[in-house]
Amino acid sequence: SLAMKAKPETVLPLLTDFEKGWTQWSIWSSMDKQAKWTFAGTPGGAGHSMTWCGPDVGSGTLTIVSVEPTRVVLDGKIESKDKNDTTTFTLSVEGENTTVTWLDEGKAPPAVAGLFKGKLEQMLGEQFQKNLEQLKVVAEKKQLEIDAAAAKPVGDAPPVPETPPTETPPTTPPTTPPTTTTPPTTTEPKLPPPPTLG
């Protein structure tokens, strides 16, 4: 087991996504350059699997059996067509740290056990520890990225320059041309002609 400064929800995808998570920290992924890796099923859930075959890593398949917030169980077929291994990851929170415990229960095929002559358990134990150390590096880096993103203020985009208000020219009341009043025309009454004297 190993403690790492990361939340369980940050560590969990690294254990349950074989293609994008597991391969970031597993030393076995880079141990054999000629190995072929295939992935099936939906990452993060039961049925997701990883199969490998190579001259140095041998052959096998890991399949997720169950996923809980702090526990992952995998079935393994190591150098065999039948299940011969069970792997359990347990995540326990201690303050700001998550301790990952890796428990592997299985029986190696006779050919493999005989090849290492009793040193298989010691060798695998060392590899598990190296894997956990790599998992710690990846998980803590990912947690720092998550924390940094969360610390950014909302709306971190550059401010939009304010448009100065446009001045509206004062409205000039319409000018009404002066009205010319024509005085009424008065007609003088006509007087009758004076009488003619004879």
C-alpha atoms as a PDB file:
ATOM      1  CA  SER A   1       0.000   0.000   0.000  1.00  0.00           C
ATOM      2  CA  LEU A   2       1.028   3.608  -0.527  1.00  0.00           C
ATOM      3  CA  ALA A   3      -0.385   6.993   0.524  1.00  0.00           C
ATOM      4  CA  MET A   4      -0.756   9.730  -2.068  1.00  0.00           C
ATOM      5  CA  LYS A   5      -1.960  13.324  -1.812  1.00  0.00           C
ATOM      6  CA  ALA A   6      -5.008  12.943  -4.025  1.00  0.00           C
ATOM      7  CA  LYS A   7      -8.723  12.425  -3.545  1.00  0.00           C
ATOM      8  CA  PRO A   8     -10.263   8.971  -4.125  1.00  0.00           C
ATOM      9  CA  GLU A   9     -12.307  10.315  -7.046  1.00  0.00           C
ATOM     10  CA  THR A  10      -9.037  11.390  -8.671  1.00  0.00           C
ATOM     11  CA  VAL A  11      -7.341   8.016  -8.146  1.00  0.00           C
ATOM     12  CA  LEU A  12     -10.301   5.828  -9.127  1.00  0.00           C
ATOM     13  CA  PRO A  13     -10.329   6.553 -12.907  1.00  0.00           C
ATOM     14  CA  LEU A  14      -6.625   5.694 -13.053  1.00  0.00           C
ATOM     15  CA  LEU A  15      -7.533   2.191 -11.869  1.00  0.00           C
ATOM     16  CA  THR A  16     -10.739   1.653 -13.834  1.00  0.00           C
ATOM     17  CA  ASP A  17      -9.814   2.993 -17.280  1.00  0.00           C
ATOM     18  CA  PHE A  18      -7.201   0.615 -18.649  1.00  0.00           C
ATOM     19  CA  GLU A  19      -6.481   2.510 -21.852  1.00  0.00           C
ATOM     20  CA  LYS A  20      -6.347   6.132 -20.627  1.00  0.00           C
ATOM     21  CA  GLY A  21      -5.729   5.628 -16.906  1.00  0.00           C
ATOM     22  CA  TRP A  22      -3.844   2.404 -16.198  1.00  0.00           C
ATOM     23  CA  THR A  23      -1.312   2.907 -18.997  1.00  0.00           C
ATOM     24  CA  GLN A  24      -0.204   6.246 -17.475  1.00  0.00           C
ATOM     25  CA  TRP A  25       1.343   4.555 -14.441  1.00  0.00           C
ATOM     26  CA  SER A  26       1.718   0.812 -15.061  1.00  0.00           C
ATOM     27  CA  ILE A  27       5.373  -0.131 -15.569  1.00  0.00           C
ATOM     28  CA  TRP A  28       4.194  -3.191 -17.460  1.00  0.00           C
ATOM     29  CA  SER A  29       2.783  -0.993 -20.224  1.00  0.00           C
ATOM     30  CA  SER A  30       6.279   0.174 -21.180  1.00  0.00           C
ATOM     31  CA  MET A  31       8.223  -2.925 -20.173  1.00  0.00           C
ATOM     32  CA  ASP A  32       7.703  -4.794 -23.441  1.00  0.00           C
ATOM     33  CA  LYS A  33       7.940  -2.693 -26.621  1.00  0.00           C
ATOM     34  CA  GLN A  34       6.735  -5.610 -28.750  1.00  0.00           C
ATOM     35  CA  ALA A  35       3.674  -6.349 -26.652  1.00  0.00           C
ATOM     36  CA  LYS A  36       0.230  -5.813 -28.088  1.00  0.00           C
ATOM     37  CA  TRP A  37      -2.499  -4.384 -25.865  1.00  0.00           C
ATOM     38  CA  THR A  38      -6.204  -4.453 -26.608  1.00  0.00           C
ATOM     39  CA  PHE A  39      -9.085  -2.974 -24.628  1.00  0.00           C
ATOM     40  CA  ALA A  40     -12.770  -3.829 -24.539  1.00  0.00           C
ATOM     41  CA  GLY A  41     -15.902  -2.738 -22.731  1.00  0.00           C
ATOM     42  CA  THR A  42     -16.821   0.613 -21.207  1.00  0.00           C
ATOM     43  CA  PRO A  43     -14.115   2.159 -18.996  1.00  0.00           C
ATOM     44  CA  GLY A  44     -15.033   2.659 -15.363  1.00  0.00           C
ATOM     45  CA  GLY A  45     -17.455  -0.241 -15.060  1.00  0.00           C
ATOM     46  CA  ALA A  46     -17.791  -3.984 -14.828  1.00  0.00           C
ATOM     47  CA  GLY A  47     -16.819  -5.824 -17.995  1.00  0.00           C
ATOM     48  CA  HIS A  48     -14.083  -3.383 -19.041  1.00  0.00           C
ATOM     49  CA  SER A  49     -11.000  -5.448 -19.883  1.00  0.00           C
ATOM     50  CA  MET A  50      -7.385  -5.292 -20.990  1.00  0.00           C
ATOM     51  CA  THR A  51      -5.591  -8.081 -22.858  1.00  0.00           C
ATOM     52  CA  TRP A  52      -1.865  -8.230 -23.558  1.00  0.00           C
ATOM     53  CA  CYS A  53       0.594 -10.475 -25.314  1.00  0.00           C
ATOM     54  CA  GLY A  54       4.339  -9.996 -25.657  1.00  0.00           C
ATOM     55  CA  PRO A  55       7.676 -11.807 -25.344  1.00  0.00           C
ATOM     56  CA  ASP A  56       8.555 -10.084 -22.048  1.00  0.00           C
ATOM     57  CA  VAL A  57       5.194  -9.534 -20.337  1.00  0.00           C
ATOM     58  CA  GLY A  58       3.690 -12.823 -21.449  1.00  0.00           C
ATOM     59  CA  SER A  59      -0.051 -12.980 -22.035  1.00  0.00           C
ATOM     60  CA  GLY A  60      -3.135 -12.411 -19.994  1.00  0.00           C
ATOM     61  CA  THR A  61      -6.396 -10.551 -19.466  1.00  0.00           C
ATOM     62  CA  LEU A  62      -7.662  -8.352 -16.647  1.00  0.00           C
ATOM     63  CA  THR A  63     -11.404  -7.710 -16.383  1.00  0.00           C
ATOM     64  CA  ILE A  64     -13.204  -5.394 -13.982  1.00  0.00           C
ATOM     65  CA  VAL A  65     -15.701  -7.281 -11.823  1.00  0.00           C
ATOM     66  CA  SER A  66     -16.980  -4.424  -9.670  1.00  0.00           C
ATOM     67  CA  VAL A  67     -16.337  -0.739  -9.035  1.00  0.00           C
ATOM     68  CA  GLU A  68     -17.213   1.123  -5.837  1.00  0.00           C
ATOM     69  CA  PRO A  69     -16.085   4.610  -4.755  1.00  0.00           C
ATOM     70  CA  THR A  70     -13.281   3.112  -2.640  1.00  0.00           C
ATOM     71  CA  ARG A  71     -12.911  -0.431  -3.993  1.00  0.00           C
ATOM     72  CA  VAL A  72     -12.157  -2.050  -7.331  1.00  0.00           C
ATOM     73  CA  VAL A  73     -12.103  -5.808  -7.988  1.00  0.00           C
ATOM     74  CA  LEU A  74     -10.499  -7.381 -11.074  1.00  0.00           C
ATOM     75  CA  ASP A  75     -10.405 -10.947 -12.353  1.00  0.00           C
ATOM     76  CA  GLY A  76      -7.239 -12.094 -14.092  1.00  0.00           C
ATOM     77  CA  LYS A  77      -6.316 -14.792 -16.539  1.00  0.00           C
ATOM     78  CA  ILE A  78      -2.537 -14.876 -16.383  1.00  0.00           C
ATOM     79  CA  GLU A  79      -0.936 -17.177 -18.937  1.00  0.00           C
ATOM     80  CA  SER A  80      -4.190 -19.108 -18.867  1.00  0.00           C
ATOM     81  CA  LYS A  81      -7.590 -19.287 -20.514  1.00  0.00           C
ATOM     82  CA  ASP A  82      -9.199 -19.682 -17.118  1.00  0.00           C
ATOM     83  CA  LYS A  83      -9.433 -17.262 -14.230  1.00  0.00           C
ATOM     84  CA  ASN A  84      -6.497 -17.772 -11.876  1.00  0.00           C
ATOM     85  CA  ASP A  85      -6.092 -14.369 -10.212  1.00  0.00           C
ATOM     86  CA  THR A  86      -8.134 -11.790  -8.296  1.00  0.00           C
ATOM     87  CA  THR A  87      -6.873  -8.243  -7.762  1.00  0.00           C
ATOM     88  CA  THR A  88      -8.449  -5.855  -5.280  1.00  0.00           C
ATOM     89  CA  PHE A  89      -7.650  -2.164  -4.922  1.00  0.00           C
ATOM     90  CA  THR A  90      -8.870  -0.512  -1.720  1.00  0.00           C
ATOM     91  CA  LEU A  91      -8.825   3.265  -1.265  1.00  0.00           C
ATOM     92  CA  SER A  92      -8.874   4.675   2.266  1.00  0.00           C
ATOM     93  CA  VAL A  93      -8.935   8.376   3.087  1.00  0.00           C
ATOM     94  CA  GLU A  94      -6.595   9.757   5.727  1.00  0.00           C
ATOM     95  CA  GLY A  95      -6.821  13.550   5.904  1.00  0.00           C
ATOM     96  CA  GLU A  96      -5.766  14.948   2.526  1.00  0.00           C
ATOM     97  CA  ASN A  97      -4.242  11.615   1.495  1.00  0.00           C
ATOM     98  CA  THR A  98      -5.654   8.481  -0.069  1.00  0.00           C
ATOM     99  CA  THR A  99      -3.929   5.211   0.734  1.00  0.00           C
ATOM    100  CA  VAL A 100      -4.145   2.657  -2.061  1.00  0.00           C
ATOM    101  CA  THR A 101      -3.816  -0.979  -1.018  1.00  0.00           C
ATOM    102  CA  TRP A 102      -3.158  -3.509  -3.781  1.00  0.00           C
ATOM    103  CA  LEU A 103      -4.072  -7.096  -2.921  1.00  0.00           C
ATOM    104  CA  ASP A 104      -3.349  -9.824  -5.447  1.00  0.00           C
ATOM    105  CA  GLU A 105      -4.686 -13.313  -4.804  1.00  0.00           C
ATOM    106  CA  GLY A 106      -3.909 -15.982  -7.338  1.00  0.00           C
ATOM    107  CA  LYS A 107      -1.878 -18.950  -8.331  1.00  0.00           C
ATOM    108  CA  ALA A 108       0.640 -18.682 -11.119  1.00  0.00           C
ATOM    109  CA  PRO A 109       0.642 -21.396 -13.757  1.00  0.00           C
ATOM    110  CA  PRO A 110       3.252 -24.100 -13.058  1.00  0.00           C
ATOM    111  CA  ALA A 111       5.329 -23.062 -16.075  1.00  0.00           C
ATOM    112  CA  VAL A 112       5.623 -19.505 -14.797  1.00  0.00           C
ATOM    113  CA  ALA A 113       6.236 -20.488 -11.172  1.00  0.00           C
ATOM    114  CA  GLY A 114       8.898 -22.969 -12.210  1.00  0.00           C
ATOM    115  CA  LEU A 115      10.596 -20.407 -14.427  1.00  0.00           C
ATOM    116  CA  PHE A 116      11.303 -18.092 -11.498  1.00  0.00           C
ATOM    117  CA  LYS A 117      12.014 -20.888  -9.006  1.00  0.00           C
ATOM    118  CA  GLY A 118      10.266 -19.447  -5.986  1.00  0.00           C
ATOM    119  CA  LYS A 119      11.242 -15.841  -6.647  1.00  0.00           C
ATOM    120  CA  LEU A 120       8.020 -14.976  -8.450  1.00  0.00           C
ATOM    121  CA  GLU A 121       6.272 -13.592  -5.355  1.00  0.00           C
ATOM    122  CA  GLN A 122       9.244 -11.408  -4.466  1.00  0.00           C
ATOM    123  CA  MET A 123       9.598 -10.141  -8.029  1.00  0.00           C
ATOM    124  CA  LEU A 124       5.875  -9.349  -8.347  1.00  0.00           C
ATOM    125  CA  GLY A 125       5.911  -7.639  -4.951  1.00  0.00           C
ATOM    126  CA  GLU A 126       8.685  -5.323  -6.143  1.00  0.00           C
ATOM    127  CA  GLN A 127       6.806  -4.596  -9.362  1.00  0.00           C
ATOM    128  CA  PHE A 128       3.584  -3.850  -7.478  1.00  0.00           C
ATOM    129  CA  GLN A 129       5.456  -1.352  -5.309  1.00  0.00           C
ATOM    130  CA  LYS A 130       6.995   0.369  -8.347  1.00  0.00           C
ATOM    131  CA  ASN A 131       3.566   0.537  -9.922  1.00  0.00           C
ATOM    132  CA  LEU A 132       2.113   2.161  -6.790  1.00  0.00           C
ATOM    133  CA  GLU A 133       4.932   4.710  -6.773  1.00  0.00           C
ATOM    134  CA  GLN A 134       4.144   5.600 -10.384  1.00  0.00           C
ATOM    135  CA  LEU A 135       0.439   5.762  -9.561  1.00  0.00           C
ATOM    136  CA  LYS A 136       1.269   8.215  -6.762  1.00  0.00           C
ATOM    137  CA  VAL A 137       3.172  10.497  -9.169  1.00  0.00           C
ATOM    138  CA  VAL A 138       0.366  10.507 -11.742  1.00  0.00           C
ATOM    139  CA  ALA A 139      -2.467  10.887  -9.197  1.00  0.00           C
ATOM    140  CA  GLU A 140      -0.818  13.769  -7.343  1.00  0.00           C
ATOM    141  CA  LYS A 141      -0.070  15.602 -10.590  1.00  0.00           C
ATOM    142  CA  LYS A 142      -3.669  15.149 -11.712  1.00  0.00           C
ATOM    143  CA  GLN A 143      -4.950  16.404  -8.349  1.00  0.00           C
ATOM    144  CA  LEU A 144      -2.811  19.552  -8.624  1.00  0.00           C
ATOM    145  CA  GLU A 145      -4.268  20.222 -12.080  1.00  0.00           C
ATOM    146  CA  ILE A 146      -7.810  19.758 -10.761  1.00  0.00           C
ATOM    147  CA  ASP A 147      -7.169  22.056  -7.788  1.00  0.00           C
ATOM    148  CA  ALA A 148      -5.584  24.720 -10.006  1.00  0.00           C
ATOM    149  CA  ALA A 149      -8.555  24.661 -12.374  1.00  0.00           C
ATOM    150  CA  ALA A 150     -10.986  24.949  -9.456  1.00  0.00           C
ATOM    151  CA  ALA A 151      -9.092  27.924  -8.023  1.00  0.00           C
ATOM    152  CA  LYS A 152      -9.511  29.993 -11.165  1.00  0.00           C
ATOM    153  CA  PRO A 153     -12.203  32.654 -10.832  1.00  0.00           C
ATOM    154  CA  VAL A 154     -15.352  32.129 -12.795  1.00  0.00           C
ATOM    155  CA  GLY A 155     -15.262  33.963 -16.078  1.00  0.00           C
ATOM    156  CA  ASP A 156     -11.491  33.954 -16.477  1.00  0.00           C
ATOM    157  CA  ALA A 157     -11.852  35.219 -20.034  1.00  0.00           C
ATOM    158  CA  PRO A 158     -10.314  38.641 -20.763  1.00  0.00           C
ATOM    159  CA  PRO A 159     -12.685  41.466 -19.907  1.00  0.00           C
ATOM    160  CA  VAL A 160     -14.677  42.890 -22.737  1.00  0.00           C
ATOM    161  CA  PRO A 161     -13.862  46.595 -23.158  1.00  0.00           C
ATOM    162  CA  GLU A 162     -16.730  48.806 -22.212  1.00  0.00           C
ATOM    163  CA  THR A 163     -18.296  50.773 -25.009  1.00  0.00           C
ATOM    164  CA  PRO A 164     -18.446  54.446 -24.081  1.00  0.00           C
ATOM    165  CA  PRO A 165     -21.992  55.722 -24.004  1.00  0.00           C
ATOM    166  CA  THR A 166     -22.953  57.566 -27.156  1.00  0.00           C
ATOM    167  CA  GLU A 167     -23.997  61.112 -26.543  1.00  0.00           C
ATOM    168  CA  THR A 168     -27.398  61.897 -27.911  1.00  0.00           C
ATOM    169  CA  PRO A 169     -27.524  65.468 -29.282  1.00  0.00           C
ATOM    170  CA  PRO A 170     -30.145  67.601 -27.601  1.00  0.00           C
ATOM    171  CA  THR A 171     -33.411  67.519 -29.385  1.00  0.00           C
ATOM    172  CA  THR A 172     -34.203  70.908 -30.945  1.00  0.00           C
ATOM    173  CA  PRO A 173     -37.892  71.618 -30.863  1.00  0.00           C
ATOM    174  CA  PRO A 174     -39.237  72.179 -34.326  1.00  0.00           C
ATOM    175  CA  THR A 175     -39.325  75.852 -35.253  1.00  0.00           C
ATOM    176  CA  THR A 176     -42.733  77.078 -36.349  1.00  0.00           C
ATOM    177  CA  PRO A 177     -42.492  79.893 -38.844  1.00  0.00           C
ATOM    178  CA  PRO A 178     -44.116  83.099 -37.564  1.00  0.00           C
ATOM    179  CA  THR A 179     -47.699  83.469 -38.631  1.00  0.00           C
ATOM    180  CA  THR A 180     -48.431  86.773 -40.434  1.00  0.00           C
ATOM    181  CA  THR A 181     -51.829  88.092 -39.579  1.00  0.00           C
ATOM    182  CA  THR A 182     -53.358  90.147 -42.340  1.00  0.00           C
ATOM    183  CA  PRO A 183     -55.571  92.862 -40.918  1.00  0.00           C
ATOM    184  CA  PRO A 184     -59.125  92.741 -42.271  1.00  0.00           C
ATOM    185  CA  THR A 185     -59.840  95.058 -45.161  1.00  0.00           C
ATOM    186  CA  THR A 186     -62.445  97.687 -44.308  1.00  0.00           C
ATOM    187  CA  THR A 187     -64.521  99.094 -47.142  1.00  0.00           C
ATOM    188  CA  GLU A 188     -65.639 102.685 -46.731  1.00  0.00           C
ATOM    189  CA  PRO A 189     -69.377 103.171 -47.502  1.00  0.00           C
ATOM    190  CA  LYS A 190     -70.121 105.032 -50.734  1.00  0.00           C
ATOM    191  CA  LEU A 191     -71.975 108.363 -50.251  1.00  0.00           C
ATOM    192  CA  PRO A 192     -74.722 109.312 -52.727  1.00  0.00           C
ATOM    193  CA  PRO A 193     -73.761 112.056 -55.245  1.00  0.00           C
ATOM    194  CA  PRO A 194     -74.711 115.599 -54.256  1.00  0.00           C
ATOM    195  CA  PRO A 195     -77.886 116.972 -55.787  1.00  0.00           C
ATOM    196  CA  THR A 196     -77.556 119.031 -58.992  1.00  0.00           C
ATOM    197  CA  LEU A 197     -78.617 122.696 -58.671  1.00  0.00           C
ATOM    198  CA  GLY A 198     -80.654 123.981 -61.591  1.00  0.00           C
END
